[in-house]
Amino acid sequence: MFNSLPLCIDKWLIPLPTGWKLSFGVWVRFTVDPPGVPPTVASSENVYVHSQLEERHQFRLLELHPGSPGDTIKATLVTKDLRDAPSYEAMSYVWGDMNDRVDILVNGRNFKITKNLHDALENLKSPTSIRILWTDQVCINQYHNTEKQDQVHMMDEIYKAADGVVVYLGQSTEQTETDMQHLQSFMERYGQREESPWSHIAVPELEQSSKKRC
């Protein structure tokens, strides 16, 4: 029965009485995860799963809990109506490598975000108070295509309704403080104009001006 195998199972591993036969079976189970649920975590109780948005103007906001540097990032995700939303800041950042992800706690459950977003939240976290943010990676259910489409169409309104936009450019370097001082000086001098301060400056002149300041 098993002569083609490298081991003779019925003689060496499992002695069988005369007349008995050993057979194997393979069972394949197909499952379909409900929409909006990550396929690898559909049955896990410790992973946060978004609740469905019921109304057209609904969106989610991330309440970033206070904490000390290095503490696990904790947040609460709440559903609000964009027409009557509380004060919040919208984030602008680069997602980063999707294979490099970190766990945070959302509503007390694990939720994976990219390392780049984790670094941004770590820098934005207050030591004493909740900070209310909108960030697409967490506030939009990335596993629900219909919701993604609807929320993307609302993004212009979401950014306009925000009290401000927080732009995260990445971890600071030795030159960051100097660069920010140059930017602050530039905006103090030109930022009050109705038109963009560089709108009438030829590109070579703008580059030369930047070199002189640096």
Protein backbone atom coordinates (compact mmCIF):
# COMPACT_ATOMS: atom_id res chain seq x y z
CA MET A 1 0.00 0.00 0.00
CA PHE A 2 2.82 2.43 0.85
CA ASN A 3 5.66 0.95 -1.19
CA SER A 4 6.17 4.24 -3.03
CA LEU A 5 6.84 6.13 0.20
CA PRO A 6 10.32 6.42 1.71
CA LEU A 7 9.03 4.75 4.88
CA CYS A 8 6.82 1.71 5.11
CA ILE A 9 4.20 3.12 7.47
CA ASP A 10 2.27 -0.07 8.18
CA LYS A 11 5.43 -1.97 9.20
CA TRP A 12 7.74 0.62 10.80
CA LEU A 13 5.62 3.33 12.35
CA ILE A 14 2.14 1.94 12.92
CA PRO A 15 1.89 -1.86 13.13
CA LEU A 16 -1.56 -2.87 11.87
CA PRO A 17 -3.46 -6.12 12.50
CA THR A 18 -3.90 -8.45 9.52
CA GLY A 19 -6.57 -7.22 7.17
CA TRP A 20 -6.52 -3.65 8.42
CA LYS A 21 -5.81 -0.73 6.11
CA LEU A 22 -4.60 2.80 6.88
CA SER A 23 -6.02 5.67 4.88
CA PHE A 24 -5.60 9.43 4.93
CA GLY A 25 -8.03 12.23 4.17
CA VAL A 26 -7.70 15.94 3.48
CA TRP A 27 -10.44 18.40 4.33
CA VAL A 28 -10.56 21.87 2.78
CA ARG A 29 -12.77 24.54 4.32
CA PHE A 30 -13.67 27.70 2.44
CA THR A 31 -14.84 30.73 4.42
CA VAL A 32 -16.04 34.15 3.35
CA ASP A 33 -15.29 37.03 5.69
CA PRO A 34 -17.97 39.70 6.05
CA PRO A 35 -17.24 43.00 4.28
CA GLY A 36 -15.11 45.38 6.25
CA VAL A 37 -13.30 42.73 8.27
CA PRO A 38 -9.59 42.01 7.76
CA PRO A 39 -9.41 38.38 6.54
CA THR A 40 -6.68 37.38 8.98
CA VAL A 41 -8.40 38.75 12.07
CA ALA A 42 -12.08 38.11 11.44
CA SER A 43 -12.35 35.65 14.34
CA SER A 44 -9.98 37.37 16.76
CA GLU A 45 -11.55 39.06 19.77
CA ASN A 46 -8.42 41.11 20.52
CA VAL A 47 -8.31 42.98 17.21
CA TYR A 48 -10.28 46.16 16.61
CA VAL A 49 -12.85 45.96 13.80
CA HIS A 50 -14.58 49.10 12.53
CA SER A 51 -18.30 49.47 13.09
CA GLN A 52 -20.26 50.39 9.99
CA LEU A 53 -21.00 54.01 9.11
CA GLU A 54 -24.76 54.41 8.74
CA GLU A 55 -25.21 57.92 7.36
CA ARG A 56 -23.74 59.75 4.37
CA HIS A 57 -22.07 62.53 6.39
CA GLN A 58 -20.64 60.30 9.09
CA PHE A 59 -16.92 59.92 9.57
CA ARG A 60 -14.60 58.80 12.36
CA LEU A 61 -12.25 60.78 14.56
CA LEU A 62 -9.30 59.44 16.52
CA GLU A 63 -9.07 60.56 20.12
CA LEU A 64 -5.37 60.17 20.87
CA HIS A 65 -4.93 59.54 24.59
CA PRO A 66 -2.21 61.29 26.58
CA GLY A 67 0.91 59.37 27.50
CA SER A 68 4.62 59.46 28.09
CA PRO A 69 7.20 58.91 25.33
CA GLY A 70 7.57 55.21 24.59
CA ASP A 71 4.22 54.23 26.10
CA THR A 72 1.87 52.11 24.01
CA ILE A 73 -0.23 54.45 21.89
CA LYS A 74 -3.85 54.32 23.01
CA ALA A 75 -6.78 55.88 21.21
CA THR A 76 -10.54 55.87 20.97
CA LEU A 77 -12.26 55.88 17.58
CA VAL A 78 -15.58 57.74 17.59
CA THR A 79 -18.18 58.29 14.87
CA LYS A 80 -19.30 61.87 14.22
CA ASP A 81 -21.37 63.82 11.71
CA LEU A 82 -19.16 66.04 9.57
CA ARG A 83 -21.78 68.82 9.65
CA ASP A 84 -21.60 68.98 13.46
CA ALA A 85 -18.11 67.73 14.24
CA PRO A 86 -16.04 68.80 17.26
CA SER A 87 -12.72 70.60 16.85
CA TYR A 88 -10.12 68.33 15.28
CA GLU A 89 -6.90 68.34 13.30
CA ALA A 90 -6.46 66.48 10.01
CA MET A 91 -3.18 64.70 9.37
CA SER A 92 -1.09 64.74 6.23
CA TYR A 93 1.71 62.19 6.07
CA VAL A 94 3.21 59.34 4.06
CA TRP A 95 1.92 55.88 4.94
CA GLY A 96 5.32 54.25 4.56
CA ASP A 97 6.14 50.56 4.20
CA MET A 98 3.00 48.43 4.63
CA ASN A 99 5.18 45.50 5.66
CA ASP A 100 6.59 47.49 8.58
CA ARG A 101 3.63 47.80 10.93
CA VAL A 102 3.18 48.34 14.65
CA ASP A 103 0.32 47.61 17.06
CA ILE A 104 -1.53 50.37 18.87
CA LEU A 105 -4.63 50.08 21.06
CA VAL A 106 -7.88 51.37 19.58
CA ASN A 107 -10.88 51.14 21.90
CA GLY A 108 -8.81 48.76 24.00
CA ARG A 109 -8.04 46.35 21.15
CA ASN A 110 -5.03 45.81 18.91
CA PHE A 111 -4.85 47.68 15.63
CA LYS A 112 -1.93 47.65 13.21
CA ILE A 113 -0.65 50.84 11.61
CA THR A 114 2.46 51.59 9.60
CA LYS A 115 5.63 52.51 11.46
CA ASN A 116 5.57 55.95 9.86
CA LEU A 117 2.10 56.74 11.22
CA HIS A 118 3.12 55.31 14.59
CA ASP A 119 6.08 57.72 14.69
CA ALA A 120 3.76 60.61 13.79
CA LEU A 121 1.28 59.76 16.56
CA GLU A 122 4.13 59.31 19.03
CA ASN A 123 5.30 62.85 18.25
CA LEU A 124 1.78 64.31 18.36
CA LYS A 125 0.79 62.62 21.62
CA SER A 126 0.25 65.03 24.49
CA PRO A 127 1.48 64.14 27.99
CA THR A 128 -1.65 65.56 29.64
CA SER A 129 -4.64 65.82 27.31
CA ILE A 130 -6.55 64.07 24.53
CA ARG A 131 -5.77 65.22 21.00
CA ILE A 132 -8.49 64.73 18.39
CA LEU A 133 -7.20 63.80 14.94
CA TRP A 134 -8.40 62.55 11.59
CA THR A 135 -6.04 60.15 9.86
CA ASP A 136 -7.18 58.12 6.88
CA GLN A 137 -5.28 54.95 7.78
CA VAL A 138 -7.26 54.49 11.00
CA CYS A 139 -10.43 56.54 10.53
CA ILE A 140 -11.36 54.85 7.24
CA ASN A 141 -12.06 51.12 7.17
CA GLN A 142 -9.42 50.08 4.66
CA TYR A 143 -11.04 46.66 4.21
CA HIS A 144 -14.42 48.04 3.09
CA ASN A 145 -14.20 49.22 -0.52
CA THR A 146 -17.55 51.01 -0.56
CA GLU A 147 -16.72 52.97 2.57
CA LYS A 148 -13.29 53.84 1.21
CA GLN A 149 -14.83 55.28 -1.94
CA ASP A 150 -17.37 57.31 0.03
CA GLN A 151 -14.80 58.65 2.49
CA VAL A 152 -12.33 59.56 -0.25
CA HIS A 153 -15.07 61.67 -1.85
CA MET A 154 -15.51 63.41 1.52
CA MET A 155 -11.81 64.10 2.10
CA ASP A 156 -11.96 67.62 0.67
CA GLU A 157 -14.73 68.47 3.14
CA ILE A 158 -12.91 66.70 5.99
CA TYR A 159 -9.77 68.78 5.50
CA LYS A 160 -11.74 72.02 5.09
CA ALA A 161 -13.72 71.37 8.30
CA ALA A 162 -10.57 70.71 10.36
CA ASP A 163 -9.21 73.40 12.68
CA GLY A 164 -5.80 72.77 11.17
CA VAL A 165 -3.74 70.31 9.18
CA VAL A 166 -0.78 68.61 10.82
CA VAL A 167 1.91 67.73 8.28
CA TYR A 168 4.33 65.01 9.39
CA LEU A 169 7.53 64.95 7.35
CA GLY A 170 9.32 62.19 9.24
CA GLN A 171 11.75 61.86 12.11
CA SER A 172 13.91 64.91 12.78
CA THR A 173 17.58 65.11 11.86
CA GLU A 174 20.46 67.38 12.82
CA GLN A 175 19.33 69.88 10.18
CA THR A 176 15.63 69.92 11.10
CA GLU A 177 15.77 72.79 13.61
CA THR A 178 17.75 74.99 11.23
CA ASP A 179 15.41 74.21 8.33
CA MET A 180 12.34 75.01 10.45
CA GLN A 181 13.88 78.35 11.46
CA HIS A 182 14.42 79.23 7.79
CA LEU A 183 10.82 78.26 7.01
CA GLN A 184 9.48 80.29 9.93
CA SER A 185 11.49 83.31 8.83
CA PHE A 186 10.24 82.92 5.26
CA MET A 187 6.58 82.68 6.34
CA GLU A 188 6.84 85.64 8.72
CA ARG A 189 8.12 87.77 5.86
CA TYR A 190 5.86 86.57 3.06
CA GLY A 191 3.03 84.56 4.64
CA GLN A 192 0.53 87.43 4.98
CA ARG A 193 0.16 87.94 1.24
CA GLU A 194 -3.01 86.82 -0.49
CA GLU A 195 -1.03 85.14 -3.25
CA SER A 196 1.61 82.49 -2.76
CA PRO A 197 4.92 84.21 -1.87
CA TRP A 198 6.68 82.32 -4.66
CA SER A 199 4.01 82.77 -7.37
CA HIS A 200 5.92 85.51 -9.25
CA ILE A 201 9.45 84.31 -8.56
CA ALA A 202 11.30 82.52 -11.34
CA VAL A 203 12.50 79.08 -10.27
CA PRO A 204 16.26 79.90 -10.59
CA GLU A 205 15.74 83.05 -8.46
CA LEU A 206 13.85 81.07 -5.84
CA GLU A 207 16.58 78.45 -5.69
CA GLN A 208 19.26 81.16 -5.38
CA SER A 209 17.30 82.83 -2.57
CA SER A 210 17.05 79.53 -0.71
CA LYS A 211 20.80 78.94 -1.05
CA LYS A 212 21.58 82.37 0.40
CA ARG A 213 19.38 81.70 3.42
CA CYS A 214 21.00 78.31 3.99
